[in-house]
Amino acid sequence: MIRLYFIGFIILIGAIASNALAAKVQCKTWYDFLQGMLETFTFWNQVRLKDIIWLFFIYPFLLGLSTHIGNLLYQKIF
């Protein structure tokens, strides 16, 4: 159970860092994406290819990478 908590904490740190990176490179986050879909019908005109690549490929990869890093750290520490 401690292992899952530890890895979850590392994933949270990775998600926060990824969202900061998304803001830095001016890509939409999942919050922006879902808010836009709920607010306006012309939302898809505002979504760029860069946003789609970020949300569906790079962001999940970074979260998976943070899971892997969290597991490696847990094995080294405990």
C-alpha atoms as a PDB file:
ATOM      1  CA  MET A   1       0.000   0.000   0.000  1.00  0.00           C
ATOM      2  CA  ILE A   2       2.879   2.351   0.762  1.00  0.00           C
ATOM      3  CA  ARG A   3       4.321   1.544  -2.669  1.00  0.00           C
ATOM      4  CA  LEU A   4       1.112   2.637  -4.402  1.00  0.00           C
ATOM      5  CA  TYR A   5       0.939   5.832  -2.348  1.00  0.00           C
ATOM      6  CA  PHE A   6       4.568   6.646  -3.130  1.00  0.00           C
ATOM      7  CA  ILE A   7       4.148   6.037  -6.866  1.00  0.00           C
ATOM      8  CA  GLY A   8       0.887   8.026  -6.865  1.00  0.00           C
ATOM      9  CA  PHE A   9       2.694  10.932  -5.225  1.00  0.00           C
ATOM     10  CA  ILE A  10       5.393  10.831  -7.915  1.00  0.00           C
ATOM     11  CA  ILE A  11       2.681  10.748 -10.610  1.00  0.00           C
ATOM     12  CA  LEU A  12       1.086  13.824  -9.004  1.00  0.00           C
ATOM     13  CA  ILE A  13       4.411  15.665  -9.099  1.00  0.00           C
ATOM     14  CA  GLY A  14       4.829  14.595 -12.733  1.00  0.00           C
ATOM     15  CA  ALA A  15       1.328  15.834 -13.605  1.00  0.00           C
ATOM     16  CA  ILE A  16       1.964  19.217 -11.992  1.00  0.00           C
ATOM     17  CA  ALA A  17       5.272  19.552 -13.829  1.00  0.00           C
ATOM     18  CA  SER A  18       3.636  18.475 -17.103  1.00  0.00           C
ATOM     19  CA  ASN A  19       0.889  21.076 -16.711  1.00  0.00           C
ATOM     20  CA  ALA A  20       3.520  23.734 -16.039  1.00  0.00           C
ATOM     21  CA  LEU A  21       5.343  22.617 -19.183  1.00  0.00           C
ATOM     22  CA  ALA A  22       2.079  22.769 -21.166  1.00  0.00           C
ATOM     23  CA  ALA A  23       1.593  26.372 -20.080  1.00  0.00           C
ATOM     24  CA  LYS A  24       5.196  27.173 -20.984  1.00  0.00           C
ATOM     25  CA  VAL A  25       4.849  25.798 -24.543  1.00  0.00           C
ATOM     26  CA  GLN A  26       1.320  27.246 -24.854  1.00  0.00           C
ATOM     27  CA  CYS A  27      -0.580  23.977 -25.194  1.00  0.00           C
ATOM     28  CA  LYS A  28      -4.019  23.263 -23.795  1.00  0.00           C
ATOM     29  CA  THR A  29      -4.273  21.224 -20.620  1.00  0.00           C
ATOM     30  CA  TRP A  30      -7.040  18.704 -20.018  1.00  0.00           C
ATOM     31  CA  TYR A  31      -8.847  21.317 -17.928  1.00  0.00           C
ATOM     32  CA  ASP A  32      -8.721  23.844 -20.797  1.00  0.00           C
ATOM     33  CA  PHE A  33      -9.772  21.186 -23.271  1.00  0.00           C
ATOM     34  CA  LEU A  34     -12.833  20.026 -21.297  1.00  0.00           C
ATOM     35  CA  GLN A  35     -13.859  23.570 -20.321  1.00  0.00           C
ATOM     36  CA  GLY A  36     -13.696  24.632 -23.946  1.00  0.00           C
ATOM     37  CA  MET A  37     -15.847  21.718 -25.082  1.00  0.00           C
ATOM     38  CA  LEU A  38     -18.501  22.568 -22.505  1.00  0.00           C
ATOM     39  CA  GLU A  39     -18.536  26.317 -23.115  1.00  0.00           C
ATOM     40  CA  THR A  40     -18.702  26.767 -26.870  1.00  0.00           C
ATOM     41  CA  PHE A  41     -19.552  24.915 -30.049  1.00  0.00           C
ATOM     42  CA  THR A  42     -16.716  26.573 -31.967  1.00  0.00           C
ATOM     43  CA  PHE A  43     -14.148  25.126 -29.605  1.00  0.00           C
ATOM     44  CA  TRP A  44     -12.684  22.806 -32.241  1.00  0.00           C
ATOM     45  CA  ASN A  45     -11.611  25.842 -34.263  1.00  0.00           C
ATOM     46  CA  GLN A  46      -9.348  26.816 -31.362  1.00  0.00           C
ATOM     47  CA  VAL A  47      -7.687  23.414 -30.973  1.00  0.00           C
ATOM     48  CA  ARG A  48      -4.380  23.111 -32.787  1.00  0.00           C
ATOM     49  CA  LEU A  49      -2.543  19.978 -33.877  1.00  0.00           C
ATOM     50  CA  LYS A  50       0.055  20.799 -31.230  1.00  0.00           C
ATOM     51  CA  ASP A  51      -2.657  20.602 -28.539  1.00  0.00           C
ATOM     52  CA  ILE A  52      -3.904  17.221 -29.775  1.00  0.00           C
ATOM     53  CA  ILE A  53      -0.376  15.786 -29.873  1.00  0.00           C
ATOM     54  CA  TRP A  54       0.296  17.119 -26.377  1.00  0.00           C
ATOM     55  CA  LEU A  55      -2.938  15.829 -24.819  1.00  0.00           C
ATOM     56  CA  PHE A  56      -3.122  12.414 -26.436  1.00  0.00           C
ATOM     57  CA  PHE A  57       0.529  11.438 -26.862  1.00  0.00           C
ATOM     58  CA  ILE A  58       3.059  13.477 -24.883  1.00  0.00           C
ATOM     59  CA  TYR A  59       1.091  14.023 -21.647  1.00  0.00           C
ATOM     60  CA  PRO A  60       0.186  10.324 -21.193  1.00  0.00           C
ATOM     61  CA  PHE A  61       3.792   9.399 -22.018  1.00  0.00           C
ATOM     62  CA  LEU A  62       5.075  11.789 -19.327  1.00  0.00           C
ATOM     63  CA  LEU A  63       2.648  10.383 -16.763  1.00  0.00           C
ATOM     64  CA  GLY A  64       3.705   6.844 -17.647  1.00  0.00           C
ATOM     65  CA  LEU A  65       7.328   7.912 -17.362  1.00  0.00           C
ATOM     66  CA  SER A  66       6.659   9.383 -13.917  1.00  0.00           C
ATOM     67  CA  THR A  67       5.067   6.062 -12.911  1.00  0.00           C
ATOM     68  CA  HIS A  68       8.188   4.239 -14.027  1.00  0.00           C
ATOM     69  CA  ILE A  69      10.431   6.717 -12.202  1.00  0.00           C
ATOM     70  CA  GLY A  70       8.300   6.396  -9.067  1.00  0.00           C
ATOM     71  CA  ASN A  71       8.598   2.615  -9.176  1.00  0.00           C
ATOM     72  CA  LEU A  72      12.378   2.806  -9.649  1.00  0.00           C
ATOM     73  CA  LEU A  73      12.711   5.288  -6.767  1.00  0.00           C
ATOM     74  CA  TYR A  74      10.598   3.077  -4.526  1.00  0.00           C
ATOM     75  CA  GLN A  75      12.789   0.063  -5.290  1.00  0.00           C
ATOM     76  CA  LYS A  76      15.955   2.065  -4.561  1.00  0.00           C
ATOM     77  CA  ILE A  77      14.650   3.597  -1.326  1.00  0.00           C
ATOM     78  CA  PHE A  78      12.777   0.630   0.124  1.00  0.00           C
END
